[in-house]
C-alpha cells in the first residue's frame, strides 16, 4: 500500500501494533490504573484549625471527611501551616486526639474549632 503523506504512514503503523497485541496468546494487558481507595465512612464538615505555634494566631478553614484518621488530617494541617507534624497535637473540646482514631470519634461538628497544641505543652 502506498502512503500519500507521513500522517497516513503513522496511522497504518499504529493499526499494525494493535493487531499484533491482539495476536499474542496468553498475554493479558494489566491496567496501571490504581485501585480506588475506600472512602472513609463519615460526612463532609468544615472545621477551623487554630494554631498559636510561632508568632501570632493563625486560623484556617478546611473541608474534611469526619471518617478520616486524625494522623492523616494532622499531616495535611502540618503542610498547611508549614509545621512538622511531630511538633504539635490536635485537640477539640479539651481532649487531645489520638492519631490512630477517626475524627468522628471526637464528635467534631461542622463549624467547630480544632486547636494545634505544641508537643512541649501537651503531655
N, C-alpha and C. Protein backbone atom coordinates (compact mmCIF):
# COMPACT_ATOMS: atom_id res chain seq x y z
N UNK A 1 0.85 -1.18 0.00
CA UNK A 1 0.00 0.00 0.00
C UNK A 1 0.89 1.23 0.00
N UNK A 2 0.57 2.21 -0.79
CA UNK A 2 1.34 3.44 -0.85
C UNK A 2 0.81 4.46 0.15
N UNK A 3 1.67 5.39 0.54
CA UNK A 3 1.29 6.42 1.50
C UNK A 3 1.30 7.76 0.81
N UNK A 4 0.24 8.54 1.07
CA UNK A 4 0.15 9.87 0.47
C UNK A 4 1.02 10.87 1.23
N UNK A 5 1.12 10.70 2.53
CA UNK A 5 1.95 11.58 3.34
C UNK A 5 2.38 10.84 4.62
N UNK A 6 3.18 11.51 5.45
CA UNK A 6 3.70 10.87 6.67
C UNK A 6 2.58 10.51 7.64
N UNK A 7 1.53 11.30 7.66
CA UNK A 7 0.42 11.05 8.58
C UNK A 7 -0.23 9.71 8.29
N UNK A 8 -0.44 9.40 7.02
CA UNK A 8 -1.04 8.11 6.65
C UNK A 8 -0.15 6.95 7.08
N UNK A 9 1.16 7.13 6.98
CA UNK A 9 2.10 6.07 7.36
C UNK A 9 1.98 5.78 8.85
N UNK A 10 1.87 6.82 9.67
CA UNK A 10 1.75 6.65 11.12
C UNK A 10 0.46 5.93 11.48
N UNK A 11 -0.63 6.23 10.77
CA UNK A 11 -1.90 5.58 11.06
C UNK A 11 -1.81 4.08 10.83
N UNK A 12 -1.23 3.68 9.73
CA UNK A 12 -1.14 2.25 9.43
C UNK A 12 -0.22 1.56 10.43
N UNK A 13 0.84 2.20 10.83
CA UNK A 13 1.77 1.62 11.79
C UNK A 13 1.06 1.37 13.12
N UNK A 14 0.27 2.33 13.58
CA UNK A 14 -0.47 2.16 14.82
C UNK A 14 -1.46 1.00 14.71
N UNK A 15 -2.12 0.88 13.58
CA UNK A 15 -3.07 -0.22 13.40
C UNK A 15 -2.36 -1.55 13.45
N UNK A 16 -1.16 -1.64 12.86
CA UNK A 16 -0.39 -2.89 12.89
C UNK A 16 -0.03 -3.26 14.31
N UNK A 17 0.33 -2.28 15.14
CA UNK A 17 0.68 -2.56 16.54
C UNK A 17 -0.51 -3.12 17.29
N UNK A 18 -1.68 -2.54 17.09
CA UNK A 18 -2.88 -3.02 17.77
C UNK A 18 -3.17 -4.46 17.38
N UNK A 19 -3.01 -4.78 16.09
CA UNK A 19 -3.28 -6.14 15.64
C UNK A 19 -2.29 -7.11 16.25
N UNK A 20 -1.01 -6.72 16.35
CA UNK A 20 -0.01 -7.61 16.94
C UNK A 20 -0.31 -7.88 18.40
N UNK A 21 -0.76 -6.90 19.14
CA UNK A 21 -1.07 -7.08 20.57
C UNK A 21 -2.22 -8.06 20.74
N UNK A 22 -3.18 -8.02 19.83
CA UNK A 22 -4.33 -8.92 19.91
C UNK A 22 -3.93 -10.36 19.61
N UNK A 23 -2.84 -10.56 18.88
CA UNK A 23 -2.45 -11.89 18.43
C UNK A 23 -1.52 -12.61 19.38
N UNK A 24 -1.06 -11.98 20.46
CA UNK A 24 -0.14 -12.64 21.40
C UNK A 24 -0.96 -13.53 22.31
N UNK A 25 -0.79 -14.87 22.18
CA UNK A 25 -1.58 -15.78 23.01
C UNK A 25 -1.11 -15.77 24.46
N UNK A 26 -2.05 -15.87 25.37
CA UNK A 26 -1.72 -15.95 26.80
C UNK A 26 -1.24 -14.65 27.42
N UNK A 27 -1.24 -13.57 26.68
CA UNK A 27 -0.79 -12.28 27.21
C UNK A 27 -1.99 -11.45 27.59
N UNK A 28 -2.06 -11.09 28.87
CA UNK A 28 -3.11 -10.20 29.32
C UNK A 28 -2.52 -8.82 29.54
N UNK A 29 -3.29 -7.83 29.25
CA UNK A 29 -2.84 -6.46 29.48
C UNK A 29 -3.37 -6.05 30.84
N UNK A 30 -2.44 -5.72 31.73
CA UNK A 30 -2.82 -5.31 33.08
C UNK A 30 -2.95 -3.80 33.14
N UNK A 31 -3.98 -3.34 33.80
CA UNK A 31 -4.21 -1.92 33.94
C UNK A 31 -3.24 -1.34 34.96
N UNK A 32 -2.74 -0.15 34.68
CA UNK A 32 -1.88 0.54 35.62
C UNK A 32 -2.65 1.58 36.41
N UNK A 33 -3.95 1.58 36.24
CA UNK A 33 -4.79 2.49 36.99
C UNK A 33 -4.86 1.99 38.43
N UNK A 34 -4.55 2.84 39.41
CA UNK A 34 -4.58 2.37 40.80
C UNK A 34 -5.99 2.01 41.24
N UNK A 35 -6.04 1.04 42.13
CA UNK A 35 -7.32 0.62 42.68
C UNK A 35 -7.86 1.78 43.51
N UNK A 36 -9.12 2.07 43.36
CA UNK A 36 -9.73 3.18 44.08
C UNK A 36 -9.70 2.91 45.57
N UNK A 37 -9.31 3.93 46.34
CA UNK A 37 -9.31 3.81 47.79
C UNK A 37 -10.74 3.80 48.30
N UNK A 38 -10.94 3.06 49.37
CA UNK A 38 -12.25 3.06 50.00
C UNK A 38 -12.45 4.42 50.67
N UNK A 39 -13.57 5.01 50.44
CA UNK A 39 -13.87 6.30 51.05
C UNK A 39 -14.26 6.05 52.50
N UNK A 40 -13.59 6.76 53.43
CA UNK A 40 -13.91 6.54 54.84
C UNK A 40 -15.36 6.93 55.13
N UNK A 41 -15.97 6.15 56.02
CA UNK A 41 -17.35 6.48 56.39
C UNK A 41 -17.34 7.73 57.24
N UNK A 42 -18.19 8.63 56.92
CA UNK A 42 -18.27 9.89 57.65
C UNK A 42 -18.98 10.89 56.77
N UNK A 43 -19.01 12.11 57.26
CA UNK A 43 -19.65 13.16 56.48
C UNK A 43 -18.67 14.31 56.30
N UNK A 44 -18.88 15.08 55.26
CA UNK A 44 -18.02 16.23 55.00
C UNK A 44 -18.43 17.36 55.92
N UNK A 45 -17.42 17.89 56.63
CA UNK A 45 -17.67 19.01 57.54
C UNK A 45 -16.59 20.07 57.34
N UNK A 46 -16.95 21.30 57.62
CA UNK A 46 -15.98 22.40 57.61
C UNK A 46 -15.56 22.66 59.04
N UNK A 47 -14.27 22.62 59.28
CA UNK A 47 -13.75 22.91 60.62
C UNK A 47 -12.65 23.95 60.53
N UNK A 48 -12.42 24.63 61.62
CA UNK A 48 -11.39 25.66 61.70
C UNK A 48 -10.24 25.12 62.53
N UNK A 49 -9.03 25.20 61.96
CA UNK A 49 -7.83 24.80 62.68
C UNK A 49 -7.14 26.06 63.16
N UNK A 50 -6.91 26.15 64.47
CA UNK A 50 -6.29 27.32 65.08
C UNK A 50 -4.93 26.96 65.62
N UNK A 51 -3.91 27.73 65.22
CA UNK A 51 -2.55 27.50 65.66
C UNK A 51 -2.01 28.72 66.39
N UNK A 52 -1.47 28.49 67.54
CA UNK A 52 -0.76 29.55 68.28
C UNK A 52 0.73 29.26 68.28
N UNK A 53 1.14 28.29 67.48
CA UNK A 53 2.55 27.94 67.37
C UNK A 53 3.22 28.99 66.50
N UNK A 54 4.31 29.56 67.01
CA UNK A 54 5.01 30.61 66.27
C UNK A 54 4.39 31.96 66.56
N UNK A 55 4.82 32.97 65.83
CA UNK A 55 4.32 34.33 66.09
C UNK A 55 2.89 34.51 65.58
N UNK A 56 2.03 34.99 66.44
CA UNK A 56 0.65 35.30 66.06
C UNK A 56 -0.23 34.07 65.95
N UNK A 57 -1.53 34.30 66.08
CA UNK A 57 -2.51 33.22 65.95
C UNK A 57 -2.92 33.10 64.50
N UNK A 58 -2.97 31.86 64.02
CA UNK A 58 -3.39 31.61 62.64
C UNK A 58 -4.61 30.70 62.65
N UNK A 59 -5.52 30.94 61.72
CA UNK A 59 -6.74 30.14 61.64
C UNK A 59 -7.02 29.79 60.18
N UNK A 60 -7.27 28.53 59.91
CA UNK A 60 -7.57 28.06 58.56
C UNK A 60 -8.81 27.19 58.58
N UNK A 61 -9.64 27.35 57.57
CA UNK A 61 -10.85 26.55 57.44
C UNK A 61 -10.58 25.44 56.43
N UNK A 62 -10.97 24.21 56.78
CA UNK A 62 -10.81 23.08 55.88
C UNK A 62 -12.10 22.28 55.80
N UNK A 63 -12.37 21.75 54.62
CA UNK A 63 -13.48 20.82 54.42
C UNK A 63 -12.88 19.42 54.50
N UNK A 64 -13.31 18.63 55.48
CA UNK A 64 -12.74 17.30 55.68
C UNK A 64 -13.86 16.27 55.88
N UNK A 65 -13.49 15.03 55.73
CA UNK A 65 -14.41 13.93 55.97
C UNK A 65 -14.22 13.49 57.42
N UNK A 66 -15.28 13.43 58.19
CA UNK A 66 -15.17 13.08 59.62
C UNK A 66 -14.71 11.64 59.82
N UNK A 67 -14.72 10.83 58.77
CA UNK A 67 -14.23 9.46 58.87
C UNK A 67 -12.72 9.34 58.69
N UNK A 68 -12.05 10.44 58.32
CA UNK A 68 -10.60 10.41 58.13
C UNK A 68 -9.88 10.19 59.46
N UNK A 69 -8.74 9.54 59.38
CA UNK A 69 -7.91 9.28 60.56
C UNK A 69 -7.24 10.59 60.99
N UNK A 70 -7.20 10.84 62.30
CA UNK A 70 -6.63 12.08 62.85
C UNK A 70 -5.18 12.28 62.38
N UNK A 71 -4.39 11.21 62.31
CA UNK A 71 -3.00 11.33 61.87
C UNK A 71 -2.89 11.85 60.45
N UNK A 72 -3.80 11.42 59.57
CA UNK A 72 -3.79 11.91 58.19
C UNK A 72 -4.18 13.38 58.12
N UNK A 73 -5.16 13.76 58.93
CA UNK A 73 -5.58 15.16 58.98
C UNK A 73 -4.44 16.02 59.51
N UNK A 74 -3.74 15.49 60.51
CA UNK A 74 -2.62 16.21 61.12
C UNK A 74 -1.52 16.47 60.09
N UNK A 75 -1.25 15.51 59.21
CA UNK A 75 -0.25 15.70 58.15
C UNK A 75 -0.66 16.84 57.22
N UNK A 76 -1.93 16.88 56.85
CA UNK A 76 -2.44 17.94 55.98
C UNK A 76 -2.32 19.30 56.66
N UNK A 77 -2.71 19.36 57.92
CA UNK A 77 -2.66 20.61 58.67
C UNK A 77 -1.21 21.07 58.84
N UNK A 78 -0.29 20.12 59.06
CA UNK A 78 1.13 20.46 59.18
C UNK A 78 1.62 21.13 57.91
N UNK A 79 1.25 20.59 56.76
CA UNK A 79 1.63 21.20 55.48
C UNK A 79 1.01 22.57 55.31
N UNK A 80 -0.23 22.70 55.72
CA UNK A 80 -0.96 23.96 55.59
C UNK A 80 -0.30 25.09 56.40
N UNK A 81 0.14 24.76 57.61
CA UNK A 81 0.74 25.76 58.49
C UNK A 81 2.27 25.80 58.40
N UNK A 82 2.86 24.92 57.61
CA UNK A 82 4.32 24.88 57.48
C UNK A 82 5.00 24.38 58.75
N UNK A 83 4.40 23.37 59.38
CA UNK A 83 4.93 22.82 60.63
C UNK A 83 5.34 21.37 60.46
N UNK A 84 6.12 20.89 61.41
CA UNK A 84 6.46 19.47 61.48
C UNK A 84 5.35 18.79 62.27
N UNK A 85 4.76 17.70 61.76
CA UNK A 85 3.66 17.04 62.47
C UNK A 85 4.04 16.54 63.87
N UNK A 86 5.33 16.32 64.11
CA UNK A 86 5.77 15.88 65.43
C UNK A 86 5.79 17.00 66.46
N UNK A 87 5.63 18.24 66.00
CA UNK A 87 5.72 19.40 66.89
C UNK A 87 4.40 19.79 67.54
N UNK A 88 3.30 19.12 67.18
CA UNK A 88 2.01 19.52 67.76
C UNK A 88 1.03 18.34 67.82
N UNK A 89 -0.01 18.55 68.60
CA UNK A 89 -1.14 17.62 68.69
C UNK A 89 -2.39 18.38 68.30
N UNK A 90 -3.43 17.63 67.90
CA UNK A 90 -4.73 18.24 67.62
C UNK A 90 -5.63 18.03 68.83
N UNK A 91 -6.42 19.04 69.14
CA UNK A 91 -7.29 18.98 70.31
C UNK A 91 -8.64 19.62 70.00
N UNK A 92 -9.69 18.99 70.52
CA UNK A 92 -11.03 19.54 70.37
C UNK A 92 -11.79 19.30 71.66
N UNK A 93 -12.46 20.32 72.15
CA UNK A 93 -13.24 20.19 73.38
C UNK A 93 -12.40 19.82 74.59
N UNK A 94 -11.14 20.23 74.59
CA UNK A 94 -10.26 19.94 75.71
C UNK A 94 -9.65 18.55 75.69
N UNK A 95 -9.90 17.79 74.62
CA UNK A 95 -9.39 16.43 74.51
C UNK A 95 -8.31 16.38 73.44
N UNK A 96 -7.14 15.84 73.80
CA UNK A 96 -6.08 15.64 72.82
C UNK A 96 -6.42 14.40 72.00
N UNK A 97 -6.41 14.54 70.68
CA UNK A 97 -6.83 13.46 69.80
C UNK A 97 -5.71 12.44 69.57
N UNK A 98 -6.09 11.16 69.57
CA UNK A 98 -5.17 10.08 69.25
C UNK A 98 -5.07 9.98 67.73
N UNK A 99 -3.85 9.91 67.22
CA UNK A 99 -3.63 9.92 65.77
C UNK A 99 -4.15 8.68 65.06
N UNK A 100 -4.44 7.62 65.78
CA UNK A 100 -4.91 6.38 65.16
C UNK A 100 -6.43 6.33 65.00
N UNK A 101 -7.13 7.23 65.64
CA UNK A 101 -8.59 7.22 65.64
C UNK A 101 -9.16 8.11 64.53
N UNK A 102 -10.37 7.77 64.06
CA UNK A 102 -11.03 8.67 63.10
C UNK A 102 -11.54 9.92 63.82
N UNK A 103 -11.65 11.00 63.08
CA UNK A 103 -12.09 12.27 63.65
C UNK A 103 -13.48 12.16 64.27
N UNK A 104 -14.35 11.34 63.68
CA UNK A 104 -15.73 11.24 64.17
C UNK A 104 -15.80 10.72 65.61
N UNK A 105 -14.74 10.06 66.09
CA UNK A 105 -14.71 9.59 67.48
C UNK A 105 -14.71 10.74 68.48
N UNK A 106 -14.37 11.93 68.01
CA UNK A 106 -14.29 13.10 68.90
C UNK A 106 -15.50 14.03 68.76
N UNK A 107 -16.51 13.59 68.06
CA UNK A 107 -17.76 14.33 67.91
C UNK A 107 -17.55 15.77 67.45
N UNK A 108 -16.66 15.94 66.48
CA UNK A 108 -16.42 17.26 65.90
C UNK A 108 -17.53 17.53 64.90
N UNK A 109 -18.17 18.68 65.04
CA UNK A 109 -19.28 19.06 64.16
C UNK A 109 -18.86 20.14 63.19
N UNK A 110 -19.70 20.37 62.20
CA UNK A 110 -19.49 21.40 61.21
C UNK A 110 -19.33 22.76 61.91
N UNK A 111 -18.25 23.49 61.59
CA UNK A 111 -18.02 24.81 62.17
C UNK A 111 -17.22 24.82 63.45
N UNK A 112 -16.87 23.64 63.99
CA UNK A 112 -16.09 23.57 65.23
C UNK A 112 -14.64 23.99 65.01
N UNK A 113 -13.98 24.34 66.14
CA UNK A 113 -12.56 24.68 66.13
C UNK A 113 -11.75 23.48 66.60
N UNK A 114 -10.63 23.26 65.95
CA UNK A 114 -9.66 22.26 66.40
C UNK A 114 -8.36 23.01 66.64
N UNK A 115 -7.80 22.82 67.82
CA UNK A 115 -6.59 23.55 68.20
C UNK A 115 -5.34 22.74 67.91
N UNK A 116 -4.28 23.44 67.50
CA UNK A 116 -2.97 22.84 67.37
C UNK A 116 -2.23 23.17 68.65
N UNK A 117 -1.91 22.15 69.43
CA UNK A 117 -1.24 22.34 70.70
C UNK A 117 0.22 21.92 70.56
N UNK A 118 1.16 22.79 70.93
CA UNK A 118 2.57 22.41 70.83
C UNK A 118 2.87 21.14 71.63
N UNK A 119 3.68 20.26 71.08
CA UNK A 119 4.01 18.99 71.73
C UNK A 119 4.68 19.20 73.09
N UNK A 120 5.38 20.32 73.26
CA UNK A 120 6.04 20.57 74.52
C UNK A 120 5.05 20.89 75.65
N UNK A 121 3.85 21.34 75.31
CA UNK A 121 2.83 21.68 76.30
C UNK A 121 1.95 20.46 76.62
N UNK A 122 1.45 19.81 75.55
CA UNK A 122 0.59 18.64 75.75
C UNK A 122 1.48 17.48 76.17
N UNK A 123 1.06 16.73 77.10
CA UNK A 123 1.95 15.69 77.58
C UNK A 123 1.46 14.38 77.38
